[in-house]
Amino acid sequence: MVRRSAAKDSSLDILGLDVVWEAEFAEADWVENWTGQRRQQVERDAVKAALDTATWDGQLVAAPFNSNTQLLWYRKDLVPDPPRTWDQMIQQAQELARQGKPHQIEIQGNSYEGYTVWVNAMILSAGGRILSEDGKRVILDPAAERGVNLIGKLARSPAADPSLSVQTEDQNRLAFEAGNAAFEVNYPFIYPSAQQDAPKLAKQIGWVEYPRVDANLPSRPPVGGIDLAVGAYSRHKEQAFDAIMCLRNRQNQLRNAVKGGLPPTLASLYSDPKLINGGYPFAAEIRDSLQRGGVRPKTPAYQSLSIAISTTLHPPSVAGPAALSGLRSKVQDAIQSKGLVP
């Protein structure tokens, strides 16, 4: 899409943007802004974090199509009192390990975008930031250090899966279904999967909000999904705007959630019995997570930024003050498009 947009390809009418691409496409003037009544329609009943992903430099540059976020999933037969914080979860996992019971915490630790997602959520949950709001300055303050330190603490503890440093979402799902873990931090796709592949274990799955870094601060769960934008060089812009509004209307979002497992971007849908009874018994927790979710840093150079984070702080066992210190200069280079991306 970048190559075709840069070439002013008029055949790109509607662009499906990952929630971290908006700044890049908007800054390059490759998409049309949503203004006036159209903007009001999109903002009405919108889930807060999903709407945030579609905004750049005060402009609405896309319309949220679907969203995603993570919950803490746990084994009710092993964990009668689910943890509220990361420290509590690590302690509970260590106690289960001492008892010789399944105890691992499954989460994404491979060197890829999923690891950047975890790092960002931990930093935001600690009250810190990676970049300034406009994406032009590196922050990475002491609060960020608290969040990163917890990643290292988990990775170096008996609570960690031995393969943490190469795990992605699906490996987490499989390990949890195999009965090796007591906890899993992941997206809601794991729930229907367990119902089908591990029905006995599925009956023991409970869920609560994304763990807190600080017991006194609400967690800032990851935010994923797709936003729909109108191509700047399209010859059918009016039709494209109308088509997007149709694609993301209430009926279609409900269908996509029930049949495709994709969380809606309309807040009122989360109290709809058709959604709750259609496979989303955790609808309220997903809605709450998305209303306070932590959007990844906004910058036109996001891809370079993400690679800097997921390589410098990897493997998770090195996450700590020293690695974070080295990350600052790499993040600065990334947002200024300096140097080579490894």
C-alpha atoms as a PDB file:
ATOM      1  CA  MET A   1       0.000   0.000   0.000  1.00  0.00           C
ATOM      2  CA  VAL A   2       2.906   2.360   0.676  1.00  0.00           C
ATOM      3  CA  ARG A   3       4.387   1.751  -2.751  1.00  0.00           C
ATOM      4  CA  ARG A   4       1.060   2.154  -4.520  1.00  0.00           C
ATOM      5  CA  SER A   5       0.111   5.257  -2.518  1.00  0.00           C
ATOM      6  CA  ALA A   6       3.501   6.849  -3.217  1.00  0.00           C
ATOM      7  CA  ALA A   7       2.855   6.173  -6.912  1.00  0.00           C
ATOM      8  CA  LYS A   8      -0.547   7.933  -6.638  1.00  0.00           C
ATOM      9  CA  ASP A   9      -2.417   4.765  -7.563  1.00  0.00           C
ATOM     10  CA  SER A  10      -6.040   5.797  -8.164  1.00  0.00           C
ATOM     11  CA  SER A  11      -7.308   2.220  -7.774  1.00  0.00           C
ATOM     12  CA  LEU A  12      -6.881   2.387  -3.978  1.00  0.00           C
ATOM     13  CA  ASP A  13     -10.349   3.442  -2.827  1.00  0.00           C
ATOM     14  CA  ILE A  14     -10.473   1.985   0.696  1.00  0.00           C
ATOM     15  CA  LEU A  15      -7.342   1.192   2.692  1.00  0.00           C
ATOM     16  CA  GLY A  16      -7.449  -1.205   5.622  1.00  0.00           C
ATOM     17  CA  LEU A  17      -4.866   0.212   8.024  1.00  0.00           C
ATOM     18  CA  ASP A  18      -3.356  -1.566  10.975  1.00  0.00           C
ATOM     19  CA  VAL A  19      -3.820   0.704  14.000  1.00  0.00           C
ATOM     20  CA  VAL A  20      -0.152   1.774  13.931  1.00  0.00           C
ATOM     21  CA  TRP A  21      -0.054   2.912  10.283  1.00  0.00           C
ATOM     22  CA  GLU A  22      -2.331   5.953  10.456  1.00  0.00           C
ATOM     23  CA  ALA A  23       0.385   8.497  11.253  1.00  0.00           C
ATOM     24  CA  GLU A  24       2.556   7.324   8.355  1.00  0.00           C
ATOM     25  CA  PHE A  25      -0.260   7.438   5.795  1.00  0.00           C
ATOM     26  CA  ALA A  26      -1.738  10.705   7.085  1.00  0.00           C
ATOM     27  CA  GLU A  27       1.599  12.517   7.273  1.00  0.00           C
ATOM     28  CA  ALA A  28       2.276  11.537   3.658  1.00  0.00           C
ATOM     29  CA  ASP A  29      -1.193  12.812   2.591  1.00  0.00           C
ATOM     30  CA  TRP A  30      -2.157   9.379   1.275  1.00  0.00           C
ATOM     31  CA  VAL A  31      -5.579   9.328   2.978  1.00  0.00           C
ATOM     32  CA  GLU A  32      -8.524  11.718   3.235  1.00  0.00           C
ATOM     33  CA  ASN A  33      -9.563  13.303   6.539  1.00  0.00           C
ATOM     34  CA  TRP A  34     -13.014  12.666   7.954  1.00  0.00           C
ATOM     35  CA  THR A  35     -14.650  16.029   8.589  1.00  0.00           C
ATOM     36  CA  GLY A  36     -17.994  17.587   9.463  1.00  0.00           C
ATOM     37  CA  GLN A  37     -20.975  15.267   9.746  1.00  0.00           C
ATOM     38  CA  ARG A  38     -18.944  12.248   8.669  1.00  0.00           C
ATOM     39  CA  ARG A  39     -16.538  12.762  11.552  1.00  0.00           C
ATOM     40  CA  GLN A  40     -19.432  13.206  13.981  1.00  0.00           C
ATOM     41  CA  GLN A  41     -20.967   9.929  12.809  1.00  0.00           C
ATOM     42  CA  VAL A  42     -17.729   8.031  13.373  1.00  0.00           C
ATOM     43  CA  GLU A  43     -17.124   9.584  16.792  1.00  0.00           C
ATOM     44  CA  ARG A  44     -20.664   8.838  17.981  1.00  0.00           C
ATOM     45  CA  ASP A  45     -20.765   5.739  20.224  1.00  0.00           C
ATOM     46  CA  ALA A  46     -17.081   5.012  19.474  1.00  0.00           C
ATOM     47  CA  VAL A  47     -14.927   2.969  21.814  1.00  0.00           C
ATOM     48  CA  LYS A  48     -12.354   5.442  23.136  1.00  0.00           C
ATOM     49  CA  ALA A  49      -9.123   3.594  22.336  1.00  0.00           C
ATOM     50  CA  ALA A  50     -10.328   2.512  18.887  1.00  0.00           C
ATOM     51  CA  LEU A  51     -11.149   6.112  17.989  1.00  0.00           C
ATOM     52  CA  ASP A  52      -7.740   7.211  19.261  1.00  0.00           C
ATOM     53  CA  THR A  53      -5.999   4.875  16.806  1.00  0.00           C
ATOM     54  CA  ALA A  54      -7.762   6.592  13.896  1.00  0.00           C
ATOM     55  CA  THR A  55      -6.641  10.090  14.915  1.00  0.00           C
ATOM     56  CA  TRP A  56      -3.430  11.866  13.962  1.00  0.00           C
ATOM     57  CA  ASP A  57      -2.443  15.480  14.629  1.00  0.00           C
ATOM     58  CA  GLY A  58      -5.982  16.345  15.714  1.00  0.00           C
ATOM     59  CA  GLN A  59      -7.540  14.977  12.521  1.00  0.00           C
ATOM     60  CA  LEU A  60      -9.697  11.892  12.103  1.00  0.00           C
ATOM     61  CA  VAL A  61      -7.892  10.112   9.262  1.00  0.00           C
ATOM     62  CA  ALA A  62      -9.771   6.792   9.271  1.00  0.00           C
ATOM     63  CA  ALA A  63     -12.839   5.080  10.712  1.00  0.00           C
ATOM     64  CA  PRO A  64     -12.389   2.250  13.253  1.00  0.00           C
ATOM     65  CA  PHE A  65     -13.592  -1.008  11.663  1.00  0.00           C
ATOM     66  CA  ASN A  66     -12.771  -3.564  14.328  1.00  0.00           C
ATOM     67  CA  SER A  67     -10.648  -3.586  17.455  1.00  0.00           C
ATOM     68  CA  ASN A  68      -8.853  -5.975  19.772  1.00  0.00           C
ATOM     69  CA  THR A  69      -7.404  -6.069  23.256  1.00  0.00           C
ATOM     70  CA  GLN A  70      -6.007  -8.499  25.789  1.00  0.00           C
ATOM     71  CA  LEU A  71      -7.349  -9.935  29.022  1.00  0.00           C
ATOM     72  CA  LEU A  72      -5.737 -12.059  31.697  1.00  0.00           C
ATOM     73  CA  TRP A  73      -7.041 -15.615  31.275  1.00  0.00           C
ATOM     74  CA  TYR A  74      -6.509 -18.045  34.144  1.00  0.00           C
ATOM     75  CA  ARG A  75      -7.322 -21.562  35.352  1.00  0.00           C
ATOM     76  CA  LYS A  76     -10.114 -21.393  37.917  1.00  0.00           C
ATOM     77  CA  ASP A  77      -9.189 -24.845  39.243  1.00  0.00           C
ATOM     78  CA  LEU A  78      -5.667 -23.598  40.018  1.00  0.00           C
ATOM     79  CA  VAL A  79      -6.284 -19.929  40.822  1.00  0.00           C
ATOM     80  CA  PRO A  80      -9.384 -19.367  42.977  1.00  0.00           C
ATOM     81  CA  ASP A  81      -8.429 -15.721  43.570  1.00  0.00           C
ATOM     82  CA  PRO A  82      -7.139 -14.177  40.313  1.00  0.00           C
ATOM     83  CA  PRO A  83      -4.328 -11.632  40.634  1.00  0.00           C
ATOM     84  CA  ARG A  84      -4.812  -7.928  40.173  1.00  0.00           C
ATOM     85  CA  THR A  85      -1.177  -7.011  39.501  1.00  0.00           C
ATOM     86  CA  TRP A  86       1.830  -8.500  37.721  1.00  0.00           C
ATOM     87  CA  ASP A  87       3.632  -8.936  41.047  1.00  0.00           C
ATOM     88  CA  GLN A  88       0.694 -10.884  42.460  1.00  0.00           C
ATOM     89  CA  MET A  89       0.516 -13.075  39.359  1.00  0.00           C
ATOM     90  CA  ILE A  90       4.234 -13.892  39.502  1.00  0.00           C
ATOM     91  CA  GLN A  91       3.937 -14.737  43.202  1.00  0.00           C
ATOM     92  CA  GLN A  92       0.953 -17.014  42.590  1.00  0.00           C
ATOM     93  CA  ALA A  93       2.752 -18.752  39.720  1.00  0.00           C
ATOM     94  CA  GLN A  94       5.819 -19.336  41.870  1.00  0.00           C
ATOM     95  CA  GLU A  95       3.682 -20.830  44.646  1.00  0.00           C
ATOM     96  CA  LEU A  96       2.003 -23.183  42.152  1.00  0.00           C
ATOM     97  CA  ALA A  97       5.465 -24.196  40.918  1.00  0.00           C
ATOM     98  CA  ARG A  98       6.515 -25.061  44.485  1.00  0.00           C
ATOM     99  CA  GLN A  99       3.434 -27.276  44.702  1.00  0.00           C
ATOM    100  CA  GLY A 100       4.373 -29.047  41.469  1.00  0.00           C
ATOM    101  CA  LYS A 101       1.269 -27.776  39.665  1.00  0.00           C
ATOM    102  CA  PRO A 102       0.923 -26.133  36.221  1.00  0.00           C
ATOM    103  CA  HIS A 103       2.085 -22.601  36.845  1.00  0.00           C
ATOM    104  CA  GLN A 104       3.502 -20.882  33.755  1.00  0.00           C
ATOM    105  CA  ILE A 105       2.491 -17.397  32.597  1.00  0.00           C
ATOM    106  CA  GLU A 106       2.015 -17.380  28.826  1.00  0.00           C
ATOM    107  CA  ILE A 107       2.724 -14.093  27.026  1.00  0.00           C
ATOM    108  CA  GLN A 108       4.356 -12.871  23.816  1.00  0.00           C
ATOM    109  CA  GLY A 109       8.153 -12.652  24.224  1.00  0.00           C
ATOM    110  CA  ASN A 110       9.511 -13.222  20.718  1.00  0.00           C
ATOM    111  CA  SER A 111      11.362 -10.372  18.978  1.00  0.00           C
ATOM    112  CA  TYR A 112       8.436  -9.039  16.905  1.00  0.00           C
ATOM    113  CA  GLU A 113       5.514  -6.633  17.044  1.00  0.00           C
ATOM    114  CA  GLY A 114       3.772  -8.626  19.779  1.00  0.00           C
ATOM    115  CA  TYR A 115       6.688  -7.986  22.119  1.00  0.00           C
ATOM    116  CA  THR A 116       6.574  -4.254  21.380  1.00  0.00           C
ATOM    117  CA  VAL A 117       2.874  -4.400  22.256  1.00  0.00           C
ATOM    118  CA  TRP A 118       3.724  -5.928  25.653  1.00  0.00           C
ATOM    119  CA  VAL A 119       6.494  -3.407  26.354  1.00  0.00           C
ATOM    120  CA  ASN A 120       4.237  -0.467  25.494  1.00  0.00           C
ATOM    121  CA  ALA A 121       1.368  -1.756  27.647  1.00  0.00           C
ATOM    122  CA  MET A 122       3.703  -2.197  30.620  1.00  0.00           C
ATOM    123  CA  ILE A 123       5.150   1.290  30.266  1.00  0.00           C
ATOM    124  CA  LEU A 124       1.724   2.925  29.916  1.00  0.00           C
ATOM    125  CA  SER A 125       0.321   0.879  32.816  1.00  0.00           C
ATOM    126  CA  ALA A 126       3.155   2.197  34.997  1.00  0.00           C
ATOM    127  CA  GLY A 127       2.136   5.756  34.135  1.00  0.00           C
ATOM    128  CA  GLY A 128       4.976   6.303  31.641  1.00  0.00           C
ATOM    129  CA  ARG A 129       5.304   6.919  27.917  1.00  0.00           C
ATOM    130  CA  ILE A 130       7.694   5.984  25.138  1.00  0.00           C
ATOM    131  CA  LEU A 131       7.125   9.117  23.041  1.00  0.00           C
ATOM    132  CA  SER A 132       5.491  12.488  23.518  1.00  0.00           C
ATOM    133  CA  GLU A 133       1.921  12.908  22.283  1.00  0.00           C
ATOM    134  CA  ASP A 134       3.090  14.422  18.990  1.00  0.00           C
ATOM    135  CA  GLY A 135       5.616  11.628  18.466  1.00  0.00           C
ATOM    136  CA  LYS A 136       8.583  14.001  18.242  1.00  0.00           C
ATOM    137  CA  ARG A 137      10.305  13.472  21.614  1.00  0.00           C
ATOM    138  CA  VAL A 138      11.534  10.427  23.514  1.00  0.00           C
ATOM    139  CA  ILE A 139      10.107  10.222  27.035  1.00  0.00           C
ATOM    140  CA  LEU A 140      11.015   6.835  28.602  1.00  0.00           C
ATOM    141  CA  ASP A 141      10.850   8.268  32.124  1.00  0.00           C
ATOM    142  CA  PRO A 142      11.289   6.485  35.520  1.00  0.00           C
ATOM    143  CA  ALA A 143       7.717   5.191  35.250  1.00  0.00           C
ATOM    144  CA  ALA A 144       8.694   3.477  32.004  1.00  0.00           C
ATOM    145  CA  GLU A 145      11.566   1.809  33.839  1.00  0.00           C
ATOM    146  CA  ARG A 146       9.156   0.332  36.398  1.00  0.00           C
ATOM    147  CA  GLY A 147       7.127  -1.268  33.641  1.00  0.00           C
ATOM    148  CA  VAL A 148      10.150  -2.660  31.806  1.00  0.00           C
ATOM    149  CA  ASN A 149      11.656  -4.002  35.037  1.00  0.00           C
ATOM    150  CA  LEU A 150       8.594  -6.198  35.564  1.00  0.00           C
ATOM    151  CA  ILE A 151       9.132  -7.832  32.168  1.00  0.00           C
ATOM    152  CA  GLY A 152      12.639  -8.800  33.236  1.00  0.00           C
ATOM    153  CA  LYS A 153      11.399  -9.968  36.624  1.00  0.00           C
ATOM    154  CA  LEU A 154       8.886 -12.327  35.015  1.00  0.00           C
ATOM    155  CA  ALA A 155      11.373 -13.607  32.423  1.00  0.00           C
ATOM    156  CA  ARG A 156      13.951 -14.489  35.080  1.00  0.00           C
ATOM    157  CA  SER A 157      11.466 -16.192  37.392  1.00  0.00           C
ATOM    158  CA  PRO A 158      10.141 -19.785  37.525  1.00  0.00           C
ATOM    159  CA  ALA A 159       6.814 -18.317  36.370  1.00  0.00           C
ATOM    160  CA  ALA A 160       8.096 -17.837  32.820  1.00  0.00           C
ATOM    161  CA  ASP A 161       7.597 -20.404  30.086  1.00  0.00           C
ATOM    162  CA  PRO A 162      11.074 -21.722  29.156  1.00  0.00           C
ATOM    163  CA  SER A 163      10.356 -20.750  25.544  1.00  0.00           C
ATOM    164  CA  LEU A 164       9.196 -17.209  26.407  1.00  0.00           C
ATOM    165  CA  SER A 165      11.794 -15.527  24.174  1.00  0.00           C
ATOM    166  CA  VAL A 166      10.427 -17.215  21.031  1.00  0.00           C
ATOM    167  CA  GLN A 167       6.729 -17.246  21.847  1.00  0.00           C
ATOM    168  CA  THR A 168       3.931 -15.517  19.936  1.00  0.00           C
ATOM    169  CA  GLU A 169       0.166 -15.423  20.511  1.00  0.00           C
ATOM    170  CA  ASP A 170      -0.492 -18.854  19.010  1.00  0.00           C
ATOM    171  CA  GLN A 171       2.277 -20.602  20.930  1.00  0.00           C
ATOM    172  CA  ASN A 172       0.763 -19.099  24.096  1.00  0.00           C
ATOM    173  CA  ARG A 173      -2.632 -20.495  23.125  1.00  0.00           C
ATOM    174  CA  LEU A 174      -1.257 -23.987  22.496  1.00  0.00           C
ATOM    175  CA  ALA A 175       0.709 -24.091  25.751  1.00  0.00           C
ATOM    176  CA  PHE A 176      -2.354 -23.015  27.719  1.00  0.00           C
ATOM    177  CA  GLU A 177      -4.558 -25.592  25.973  1.00  0.00           C
ATOM    178  CA  ALA A 178      -1.965 -28.294  26.693  1.00  0.00           C
ATOM    179  CA  GLY A 179      -2.414 -27.653  30.415  1.00  0.00           C
ATOM    180  CA  ASN A 180       1.079 -26.314  31.052  1.00  0.00           C
ATOM    181  CA  ALA A 181       0.042 -22.878  32.260  1.00  0.00           C
ATOM    182  CA  ALA A 182      -2.044 -21.284  34.973  1.00  0.00           C
ATOM    183  CA  PHE A 183      -2.150 -17.847  33.310  1.00  0.00           C
ATOM    184  CA  GLU A 184      -2.272 -16.460  29.789  1.00  0.00           C
ATOM    185  CA  VAL A 185      -2.215 -12.815  28.699  1.00  0.00           C
ATOM    186  CA  ASN A 186      -3.699 -12.838  25.221  1.00  0.00           C
ATOM    187  CA  TYR A 187      -6.482 -11.794  22.855  1.00  0.00           C
ATOM    188  CA  PRO A 188     -10.016 -13.269  23.049  1.00  0.00           C
ATOM    189  CA  PHE A 189      -9.451 -15.655  20.128  1.00  0.00           C
ATOM    190  CA  ILE A 190      -8.072 -18.118  22.669  1.00  0.00           C
ATOM    191  CA  TYR A 191     -11.528 -18.676  24.202  1.00  0.00           C
ATOM    192  CA  PRO A 192     -13.356 -20.256  21.235  1.00  0.00           C
ATOM    193  CA  SER A 193     -10.178 -22.147  20.385  1.00  0.00           C
ATOM    194  CA  ALA A 194     -10.111 -23.803  23.808  1.00  0.00           C
ATOM    195  CA  GLN A 195     -13.808 -24.650  23.537  1.00  0.00           C
ATOM    196  CA  GLN A 196     -13.070 -26.587  20.376  1.00  0.00           C
ATOM    197  CA  ASP A 197      -9.601 -28.033  21.058  1.00  0.00           C
ATOM    198  CA  ALA A 198      -9.585 -28.465  24.844  1.00  0.00           C
ATOM    199  CA  PRO A 199     -13.242 -28.541  26.013  1.00  0.00           C
ATOM    200  CA  LYS A 200     -12.442 -29.965  29.445  1.00  0.00           C
ATOM    201  CA  LEU A 201      -9.924 -27.214  30.164  1.00  0.00           C
ATOM    202  CA  ALA A 202     -12.217 -24.579  28.611  1.00  0.00           C
ATOM    203  CA  LYS A 203     -14.686 -25.108  31.459  1.00  0.00           C
ATOM    204  CA  GLN A 204     -11.989 -23.917  33.875  1.00  0.00           C
ATOM    205  CA  ILE A 205     -11.089 -20.703  32.034  1.00  0.00           C
ATOM    206  CA  GLY A 206     -11.738 -17.485  33.899  1.00  0.00           C
ATOM    207  CA  TRP A 207     -10.898 -13.939  32.827  1.00  0.00           C
ATOM    208  CA  VAL A 208     -10.173 -10.590  34.438  1.00  0.00           C
ATOM    209  CA  GLU A 209      -8.738  -7.259  33.347  1.00  0.00           C
ATOM    210  CA  TYR A 210      -5.171  -6.890  32.081  1.00  0.00           C
ATOM    211  CA  PRO A 211      -2.854  -6.980  35.131  1.00  0.00           C
ATOM    212  CA  ARG A 212      -1.766  -3.726  36.721  1.00  0.00           C
ATOM    213  CA  VAL A 213       1.845  -2.647  37.065  1.00  0.00           C
ATOM    214  CA  ASP A 214       0.924  -0.352  39.951  1.00  0.00           C
ATOM    215  CA  ALA A 215      -1.939  -1.470  42.197  1.00  0.00           C
ATOM    216  CA  ASN A 216      -3.115   2.152  42.384  1.00  0.00           C
ATOM    217  CA  LEU A 217      -3.149   2.784  38.616  1.00  0.00           C
ATOM    218  CA  PRO A 218      -5.591   1.258  36.110  1.00  0.00           C
ATOM    219  CA  SER A 219      -3.866  -0.982  33.585  1.00  0.00           C
ATOM    220  CA  ARG A 220      -3.572   0.200  29.981  1.00  0.00           C
ATOM    221  CA  PRO A 221      -4.207  -2.942  27.903  1.00  0.00           C
ATOM    222  CA  PRO A 222      -2.950  -3.301  24.316  1.00  0.00           C
ATOM    223  CA  VAL A 223      -5.138  -2.067  21.468  1.00  0.00           C
ATOM    224  CA  GLY A 224      -5.229  -3.727  18.064  1.00  0.00           C
ATOM    225  CA  GLY A 225      -7.552  -3.797  15.086  1.00  0.00           C
ATOM    226  CA  ILE A 226      -8.096  -2.302  11.653  1.00  0.00           C
ATOM    227  CA  ASP A 227      -9.194   1.197  10.622  1.00  0.00           C
ATOM    228  CA  LEU A 228     -10.634   2.004   7.196  1.00  0.00           C
ATOM    229  CA  ALA A 229      -9.384   5.049   5.270  1.00  0.00           C
ATOM    230  CA  VAL A 230     -10.248   6.647   1.939  1.00  0.00           C
ATOM    231  CA  GLY A 231      -7.359   6.796  -0.495  1.00  0.00           C
ATOM    232  CA  ALA A 232      -6.258  10.312  -1.389  1.00  0.00           C
ATOM    233  CA  TYR A 233      -5.978   9.447  -5.096  1.00  0.00           C
ATOM    234  CA  SER A 234      -9.232   7.514  -5.401  1.00  0.00           C
ATOM    235  CA  ARG A 235     -11.608   8.559  -8.165  1.00  0.00           C
ATOM    236  CA  HIS A 236     -14.551   7.385  -6.058  1.00  0.00           C
ATOM    237  CA  LYS A 237     -14.092   9.150  -2.737  1.00  0.00           C
ATOM    238  CA  GLU A 238     -17.768   9.798  -1.998  1.00  0.00           C
ATOM    239  CA  GLN A 239     -18.646   6.163  -2.642  1.00  0.00           C
ATOM    240  CA  ALA A 240     -15.655   5.055  -0.552  1.00  0.00           C
ATOM    241  CA  PHE A 241     -16.792   7.099   2.455  1.00  0.00           C
ATOM    242  CA  ASP A 242     -20.312   5.660   2.119  1.00  0.00           C
ATOM    243  CA  ALA A 243     -19.019   2.114   1.731  1.00  0.00           C
ATOM    244  CA  ILE A 244     -16.905   2.413   4.886  1.00  0.00           C
ATOM    245  CA  MET A 245     -19.902   3.615   6.897  1.00  0.00           C
ATOM    246  CA  CYS A 246     -21.853   0.601   5.628  1.00  0.00           C
ATOM    247  CA  LEU A 247     -19.047  -1.862   6.365  1.00  0.00           C
ATOM    248  CA  ARG A 248     -18.715  -0.641   9.959  1.00  0.00           C
ATOM    249  CA  ASN A 249     -22.413  -0.201  10.775  1.00  0.00           C
ATOM    250  CA  ARG A 250     -23.956  -1.838  13.819  1.00  0.00           C
ATOM    251  CA  GLN A 251     -25.321  -4.911  12.055  1.00  0.00           C
ATOM    252  CA  ASN A 252     -22.050  -5.684  10.298  1.00  0.00           C
ATOM    253  CA  GLN A 253     -19.934  -5.128  13.405  1.00  0.00           C
ATOM    254  CA  LEU A 254     -22.184  -7.482  15.368  1.00  0.00           C
ATOM    255  CA  ARG A 255     -21.902 -10.146  12.659  1.00  0.00           C
ATOM    256  CA  ASN A 256     -18.123  -9.743  12.455  1.00  0.00           C
ATOM    257  CA  ALA A 257     -17.827 -10.120  16.223  1.00  0.00           C
ATOM    258  CA  VAL A 258     -20.058 -13.179  16.553  1.00  0.00           C
ATOM    259  CA  LYS A 259     -18.851 -15.025  13.455  1.00  0.00           C
ATOM    260  CA  GLY A 260     -15.305 -13.690  13.184  1.00  0.00           C
ATOM    261  CA  GLY A 261     -14.402 -12.965  16.801  1.00  0.00           C
ATOM    262  CA  LEU A 262     -13.442  -9.339  16.044  1.00  0.00           C
ATOM    263  CA  PRO A 263     -14.301  -6.941  18.905  1.00  0.00           C
ATOM    264  CA  PRO A 264     -16.581  -4.086  17.785  1.00  0.00           C
ATOM    265  CA  THR A 265     -15.671  -0.402  17.854  1.00  0.00           C
ATOM    266  CA  LEU A 266     -19.207   0.681  18.862  1.00  0.00           C
ATOM    267  CA  ALA A 267     -19.441   0.908  22.655  1.00  0.00           C
ATOM    268  CA  SER A 268     -23.172   0.170  22.869  1.00  0.00           C
ATOM    269  CA  LEU A 269     -22.749  -3.216  21.183  1.00  0.00           C
ATOM    270  CA  TYR A 270     -20.973  -4.569  24.253  1.00  0.00           C
ATOM    271  CA  SER A 271     -24.241  -4.625  26.194  1.00  0.00           C
ATOM    272  CA  ASP A 272     -26.179  -6.244  23.333  1.00  0.00           C
ATOM    273  CA  PRO A 273     -27.395  -9.743  24.333  1.00  0.00           C
ATOM    274  CA  LYS A 274     -26.756 -10.916  20.763  1.00  0.00           C
ATOM    275  CA  LEU A 275     -23.046 -10.255  21.277  1.00  0.00           C
ATOM    276  CA  ILE A 276     -22.829 -11.579  24.831  1.00  0.00           C
ATOM    277  CA  ASN A 277     -24.748 -14.763  24.033  1.00  0.00           C
ATOM    278  CA  GLY A 278     -23.035 -15.126  20.678  1.00  0.00           C
ATOM    279  CA  GLY A 279     -19.675 -16.036  22.155  1.00  0.00           C
ATOM    280  CA  TYR A 280     -18.660 -12.940  24.122  1.00  0.00           C
ATOM    281  CA  PRO A 281     -19.430 -13.697  27.781  1.00  0.00           C
ATOM    282  CA  PHE A 282     -16.449 -11.423  28.507  1.00  0.00           C
ATOM    283  CA  ALA A 283     -17.931  -8.493  26.541  1.00  0.00           C
ATOM    284  CA  ALA A 284     -17.943  -6.121  29.518  1.00  0.00           C
ATOM    285  CA  GLU A 285     -14.266  -6.745  30.241  1.00  0.00           C
ATOM    286  CA  ILE A 286     -13.338  -6.205  26.578  1.00  0.00           C
ATOM    287  CA  ARG A 287     -15.300  -2.935  26.493  1.00  0.00           C
ATOM    288  CA  ASP A 288     -13.702  -1.654  29.686  1.00  0.00           C
ATOM    289  CA  SER A 289     -10.252  -2.590  28.386  1.00  0.00           C
ATOM    290  CA  LEU A 290     -10.835  -0.716  25.135  1.00  0.00           C
ATOM    291  CA  GLN A 291     -12.167   2.354  26.906  1.00  0.00           C
ATOM    292  CA  ARG A 292      -8.858   2.779  28.756  1.00  0.00           C
ATOM    293  CA  GLY A 293      -6.584   0.846  26.380  1.00  0.00           C
ATOM    294  CA  GLY A 294      -3.035   1.972  25.637  1.00  0.00           C
ATOM    295  CA  VAL A 295      -2.501   2.917  22.006  1.00  0.00           C
ATOM    296  CA  ARG A 296       1.021   2.298  20.714  1.00  0.00           C
ATOM    297  CA  PRO A 297       3.254   5.354  20.135  1.00  0.00           C
ATOM    298  CA  LYS A 298       2.097   7.515  17.244  1.00  0.00           C
ATOM    299  CA  THR A 299       4.775   8.388  14.709  1.00  0.00           C
ATOM    300  CA  PRO A 300       5.174   8.173  10.925  1.00  0.00           C
ATOM    301  CA  ALA A 301       8.320   6.132  11.665  1.00  0.00           C
ATOM    302  CA  TYR A 302       6.490   3.566  13.751  1.00  0.00           C
ATOM    303  CA  GLN A 303       7.947   0.495  12.045  1.00  0.00           C
ATOM    304  CA  SER A 304      11.506   1.585  12.808  1.00  0.00           C
ATOM    305  CA  LEU A 305      10.497   2.432  16.378  1.00  0.00           C
ATOM    306  CA  SER A 306       8.910  -0.974  16.905  1.00  0.00           C
ATOM    307  CA  ILE A 307      11.976  -2.819  15.623  1.00  0.00           C
ATOM    308  CA  ALA A 308      14.221  -0.756  17.920  1.00  0.00           C
ATOM    309  CA  ILE A 309      12.105  -1.750  20.928  1.00  0.00           C
ATOM    310  CA  SER A 310      11.635  -5.428  20.098  1.00  0.00           C
ATOM    311  CA  THR A 311      15.341  -5.983  19.421  1.00  0.00           C
ATOM    312  CA  THR A 312      16.989  -3.811  22.098  1.00  0.00           C
ATOM    313  CA  LEU A 313      14.925  -5.207  24.979  1.00  0.00           C
ATOM    314  CA  HIS A 314      15.181  -8.785  23.739  1.00  0.00           C
ATOM    315  CA  PRO A 315      15.317 -11.406  25.129  1.00  0.00           C
ATOM    316  CA  PRO A 316      12.863 -10.420  27.872  1.00  0.00           C
ATOM    317  CA  SER A 317      15.344 -11.523  30.540  1.00  0.00           C
ATOM    318  CA  VAL A 318      17.543  -8.466  29.743  1.00  0.00           C
ATOM    319  CA  ALA A 319      14.667  -6.008  30.194  1.00  0.00           C
ATOM    320  CA  GLY A 320      15.824  -3.550  32.841  1.00  0.00           C
ATOM    321  CA  PRO A 321      17.582  -0.204  33.423  1.00  0.00           C
ATOM    322  CA  ALA A 322      20.674  -0.981  31.331  1.00  0.00           C
ATOM    323  CA  ALA A 323      18.705  -2.105  28.282  1.00  0.00           C
ATOM    324  CA  LEU A 324      16.307   0.810  28.629  1.00  0.00           C
ATOM    325  CA  SER A 325      19.221   3.249  28.716  1.00  0.00           C
ATOM    326  CA  GLY A 326      20.494   1.850  25.420  1.00  0.00           C
ATOM    327  CA  LEU A 327      16.998   2.017  23.960  1.00  0.00           C
ATOM    328  CA  ARG A 328      16.703   5.811  24.339  1.00  0.00           C
ATOM    329  CA  SER A 329      19.238   6.644  21.625  1.00  0.00           C
ATOM    330  CA  LYS A 330      17.854   3.999  19.284  1.00  0.00           C
ATOM    331  CA  VAL A 331      14.319   5.330  19.661  1.00  0.00           C
ATOM    332  CA  GLN A 332      15.568   8.859  18.993  1.00  0.00           C
ATOM    333  CA  ASP A 333      17.290   7.676  15.807  1.00  0.00           C
ATOM    334  CA  ALA A 334      14.171   5.759  14.772  1.00  0.00           C
ATOM    335  CA  ILE A 335      11.781   8.705  14.989  1.00  0.00           C
ATOM    336  CA  GLN A 336      14.273  10.871  13.111  1.00  0.00           C
ATOM    337  CA  SER A 337      14.765   8.168  10.460  1.00  0.00           C
ATOM    338  CA  LYS A 338      18.465   7.992  11.168  1.00  0.00           C
ATOM    339  CA  GLY A 339      20.693   4.963  10.708  1.00  0.00           C
ATOM    340  CA  LEU A 340      19.797   1.505   9.502  1.00  0.00           C
ATOM    341  CA  VAL A 341      17.025  -0.666  10.885  1.00  0.00           C
ATOM    342  CA  PRO A 342      18.441  -4.087  11.877  1.00  0.00           C
END
